[in-house]
Protein backbone atom coordinates (compact mmCIF):
# COMPACT_ATOMS: atom_id res chain seq x y z
CA MET A 1 -123.05 -26.97 163.20
CA ILE A 2 -125.28 -29.50 164.93
CA THR A 3 -128.73 -28.26 165.95
CA VAL A 4 -130.55 -29.86 168.87
CA HIS A 5 -134.31 -29.44 169.03
CA HIS A 6 -134.52 -29.35 172.81
CA LEU A 7 -137.68 -29.65 174.91
CA ASN A 8 -137.42 -28.40 178.48
CA HIS A 9 -137.56 -31.04 181.25
CA SER A 10 -137.03 -33.86 178.79
CA ARG A 11 -134.69 -36.63 177.72
CA SER A 12 -133.15 -34.31 175.14
CA GLN A 13 -131.00 -32.98 177.99
CA ARG A 14 -128.90 -36.14 177.57
CA ILE A 15 -128.00 -35.10 174.03
CA LEU A 16 -126.74 -31.71 175.19
CA TRP A 17 -124.63 -33.50 177.78
CA LEU A 18 -123.21 -35.90 175.20
CA LEU A 19 -122.27 -33.01 172.92
CA GLU A 20 -120.51 -31.30 175.81
CA GLU A 21 -118.58 -34.49 176.62
CA LEU A 22 -117.51 -34.74 172.99
CA GLY A 23 -116.57 -31.06 172.84
CA LEU A 24 -118.68 -30.47 169.74
CA ASP A 25 -120.14 -27.16 168.64
CA TYR A 26 -123.93 -27.08 168.64
CA GLU A 27 -126.86 -24.75 168.78
CA ILE A 28 -130.15 -25.23 170.59
CA LYS A 29 -133.65 -24.71 169.20
CA ARG A 30 -135.82 -24.46 172.30
CA TYR A 31 -139.36 -25.69 172.86
CA GLU A 32 -141.42 -25.28 176.02
CA ARG A 33 -143.93 -27.71 177.44
CA ASP A 34 -147.51 -26.57 177.86
CA PRO A 35 -147.70 -25.50 181.54
CA GLU A 36 -151.05 -27.27 182.05
CA THR A 37 -150.82 -30.44 179.98
CA LYS A 38 -147.00 -30.77 180.23
CA LEU A 39 -147.03 -31.85 176.58
CA ALA A 40 -144.63 -30.71 173.88
CA PRO A 41 -145.80 -27.84 171.68
CA PRO A 42 -147.15 -28.65 168.21
CA GLU A 43 -144.22 -26.81 166.60
CA LEU A 44 -142.05 -29.88 167.21
CA LYS A 45 -144.02 -31.74 164.55
CA ALA A 46 -142.37 -29.56 161.94
CA VAL A 47 -139.10 -31.45 162.57
CA ASN A 48 -140.45 -34.76 163.92
CA PRO A 49 -143.90 -35.97 162.85
CA LEU A 50 -144.23 -37.63 166.26
CA GLY A 51 -143.93 -34.24 167.95
CA LYS A 52 -141.24 -35.57 170.29
CA SER A 53 -137.77 -34.47 171.37
CA PRO A 54 -134.84 -34.96 171.03
CA VAL A 55 -134.23 -34.31 167.36
CA ILE A 56 -130.90 -33.29 165.87
CA GLU A 57 -129.95 -31.79 162.54
CA ASP A 58 -126.43 -32.40 161.26
CA GLY A 59 -126.08 -31.16 157.71
CA ALA A 60 -128.77 -32.85 155.66
CA LEU A 61 -129.49 -35.42 158.38
CA VAL A 62 -132.54 -35.03 160.62
CA LEU A 63 -132.60 -37.72 163.31
CA ASN A 64 -134.91 -38.48 166.22
CA GLU A 65 -134.88 -41.18 168.95
CA SER A 66 -132.32 -40.61 171.68
CA GLY A 67 -130.62 -44.00 171.37
CA ALA A 68 -130.10 -43.51 167.65
CA ILE A 69 -128.80 -39.99 168.26
CA VAL A 70 -126.32 -41.14 170.93
CA ASP A 71 -125.08 -43.88 168.61
CA TYR A 72 -124.80 -41.51 165.64
CA LEU A 73 -122.95 -38.74 167.45
CA ILE A 74 -120.41 -41.10 168.99
CA ARG A 75 -119.93 -43.11 165.80
CA ARG A 76 -119.61 -40.10 163.50
CA HIS A 77 -118.00 -37.53 165.77
CA GLY A 78 -116.57 -39.37 168.76
CA GLN A 79 -113.21 -40.37 167.24
CA GLY A 80 -113.22 -43.55 169.32
CA ARG A 81 -114.39 -41.92 172.52
CA LEU A 82 -117.30 -42.94 174.77
CA GLN A 83 -117.73 -46.45 173.38
CA PRO A 84 -115.70 -49.67 173.31
CA ASN A 85 -114.00 -50.91 170.18
CA PRO A 86 -116.78 -52.35 167.94
CA ALA A 87 -114.62 -55.43 167.31
CA THR A 88 -114.72 -56.44 170.99
CA ALA A 89 -117.26 -58.26 173.17
CA ALA A 90 -117.42 -55.16 175.36
CA TYR A 91 -119.11 -53.34 172.49
CA ASP A 92 -121.98 -55.83 172.54
CA GLU A 93 -122.40 -55.20 176.27
CA TYR A 94 -122.36 -51.47 175.57
CA ILE A 95 -125.09 -51.80 172.93
CA LYS A 96 -127.19 -53.82 175.37
CA TRP A 97 -127.11 -51.00 177.93
CA LEU A 98 -127.65 -48.36 175.26
CA HIS A 99 -130.95 -49.96 174.26
CA PHE A 100 -131.97 -51.17 177.73
CA ALA A 101 -132.66 -47.58 178.79
CA GLU A 102 -135.62 -47.10 176.45
CA GLY A 103 -136.32 -50.70 175.48
CA SER A 104 -137.01 -52.16 178.94
CA ALA A 105 -136.29 -49.78 181.79
CA MET A 106 -138.54 -46.91 180.70
CA LEU A 107 -141.76 -48.92 180.40
CA PRO A 108 -142.55 -49.41 184.12
CA PHE A 109 -141.82 -45.73 184.79
CA MET A 110 -144.31 -44.74 182.10
CA LEU A 111 -146.86 -47.22 183.43
CA ASN A 112 -146.35 -45.87 186.93
CA LEU A 113 -147.01 -42.35 185.67
CA TYR A 114 -150.16 -43.09 183.70
CA VAL A 115 -151.66 -45.73 185.98
CA GLY A 116 -151.12 -43.37 188.90
CA ARG A 117 -153.53 -40.96 187.24
CA LEU A 118 -156.30 -43.55 187.31
CA GLY A 119 -156.78 -43.37 191.07
CA GLU A 120 -158.61 -46.34 192.53
CA ALA A 121 -159.05 -47.92 189.11
CA GLY A 122 -155.31 -48.32 188.77
CA LYS A 123 -154.58 -49.85 192.16
CA PRO A 124 -154.61 -53.51 191.02
CA LEU A 125 -151.67 -52.76 188.73
CA HIS A 126 -149.49 -51.05 191.33
CA PRO A 127 -147.87 -54.21 192.81
CA ARG A 128 -146.84 -55.50 189.38
CA ILE A 129 -145.42 -52.12 188.35
CA ALA A 130 -143.53 -51.81 191.64
CA SER A 131 -142.11 -55.30 191.12
CA GLU A 132 -140.86 -54.42 187.65
CA LEU A 133 -139.33 -51.17 188.85
CA ALA A 134 -137.49 -53.00 191.61
CA ASN A 135 -136.36 -55.65 189.13
CA PHE A 136 -134.85 -53.14 186.70
CA LEU A 137 -133.35 -50.80 189.30
CA GLY A 138 -131.83 -53.75 191.12
CA TYR A 139 -130.36 -54.95 187.85
CA ILE A 140 -128.65 -51.59 187.26
CA ASP A 141 -127.49 -51.40 190.87
CA GLY A 142 -125.93 -54.85 190.63
CA ALA A 143 -124.10 -53.93 187.43
CA LEU A 144 -122.55 -50.94 189.22
CA ARG A 145 -121.51 -52.81 192.35
CA ASP A 146 -117.82 -52.98 191.49
CA THR A 147 -117.39 -50.35 188.79
CA PRO A 148 -117.84 -46.56 188.60
CA TYR A 149 -119.48 -46.68 185.17
CA LEU A 150 -121.44 -49.29 183.26
CA MET A 151 -118.53 -50.22 181.01
CA GLY A 152 -115.80 -49.98 183.64
CA ALA A 153 -113.51 -47.15 184.64
CA GLU A 154 -114.58 -44.70 181.93
CA LEU A 155 -117.83 -42.98 181.02
CA SER A 156 -119.59 -44.24 177.88
CA GLY A 157 -122.63 -43.34 175.84
CA ALA A 158 -124.49 -46.08 177.69
CA ASP A 159 -124.14 -44.15 180.97
CA ILE A 160 -125.44 -41.01 179.30
CA GLN A 161 -128.40 -42.82 177.78
CA LEU A 162 -129.30 -44.66 181.00
CA SER A 163 -128.82 -41.61 183.21
CA PHE A 164 -132.44 -40.56 182.78
CA ILE A 165 -133.59 -43.78 184.44
CA GLY A 166 -131.40 -42.96 187.44
CA GLU A 167 -132.77 -39.44 187.50
CA LEU A 168 -136.35 -40.69 187.42
CA ALA A 169 -135.61 -43.08 190.28
CA LYS A 170 -134.14 -40.23 192.31
CA THR A 171 -136.86 -37.65 191.65
CA GLN A 172 -139.59 -40.23 192.32
CA ARG A 173 -137.80 -41.30 195.54
CA MET A 174 -137.27 -44.89 194.47
CA ASP A 175 -133.49 -44.92 194.69
CA ALA A 176 -132.93 -45.48 198.44
CA PRO A 177 -132.47 -49.28 198.21
CA TYR A 178 -129.86 -48.92 195.44
CA PRO A 179 -126.65 -47.33 196.80
CA HIS A 180 -124.54 -48.17 193.75
CA LEU A 181 -127.06 -46.54 191.44
CA GLN A 182 -127.15 -43.50 193.72
CA ALA A 183 -123.37 -43.16 193.70
CA TRP A 184 -123.26 -43.60 189.92
CA LEU A 185 -125.86 -40.88 189.35
CA ALA A 186 -124.05 -38.49 191.69
CA ARG A 187 -120.86 -39.20 189.77
CA LEU A 188 -122.58 -38.44 186.46
CA GLN A 189 -124.21 -35.24 187.64
CA ALA A 190 -120.93 -33.95 189.07
CA ARG A 191 -119.17 -34.12 185.71
CA PRO A 192 -118.25 -30.68 184.30
CA ALA A 193 -119.83 -31.51 180.93
CA TYR A 194 -123.11 -32.43 182.65
CA GLN A 195 -123.12 -29.13 184.53
CA GLN A 196 -122.30 -27.18 181.37
CA ALA A 197 -125.18 -28.87 179.54
CA ILE A 198 -127.54 -27.88 182.36
CA ALA A 199 -126.30 -24.29 182.12
CA ARG A 200 -126.93 -24.20 178.38
CA GLY A 201 -130.14 -26.24 178.30
CA GLY A 202 -132.05 -24.35 180.95
CA ASP A 203 -134.20 -25.55 183.82
CA TYR A 204 -134.17 -29.34 184.11
CA ALA A 205 -136.32 -30.85 186.85
CA TYR A 206 -134.51 -34.20 186.83
CA GLY A 207 -131.02 -32.81 187.36
CA LYS A 208 -131.56 -31.72 190.97
């Protein structure tokens, strides 16, 4: 039985969704954010010294970092589903998108969040952050111009991993100039496995 250490309103929701897509049995260990600070509770440090979610346990394995978890679950339990054949060039493209989500795309969103809290002191950085956000969102939108999913006609782990970027863009009202990204996110959120993961995971602010 796979255990997911799941923090409410967090990127760990993607792992629940992936498990639902794969049809795997799992249980959820729930953690709630502090209502004032919005930070994860200290109890998470018992399973991840960084105090972050997601974390999974699968037998003796304890694994954190969402990209690593997506890769592990598909590689070990996917039976060829949700990723291209590793011997093909498409797999390299898949890996690029899998790591793009946290490696490049997340940074300007985090900067936008923290710089926004600086008030007037942060204003000089706003144009550069906005430029980077437009750059990355435009890049995703262009990749989805002629295809329903990042890797073509079928959902992959890359879509699941990158979905949080689309959700951030939507909830922060940045998605209007990107119709292909909007359609892709609507397609993802309409999937039965996504809806089942929401039902099991609890309230998720980014899934609305």
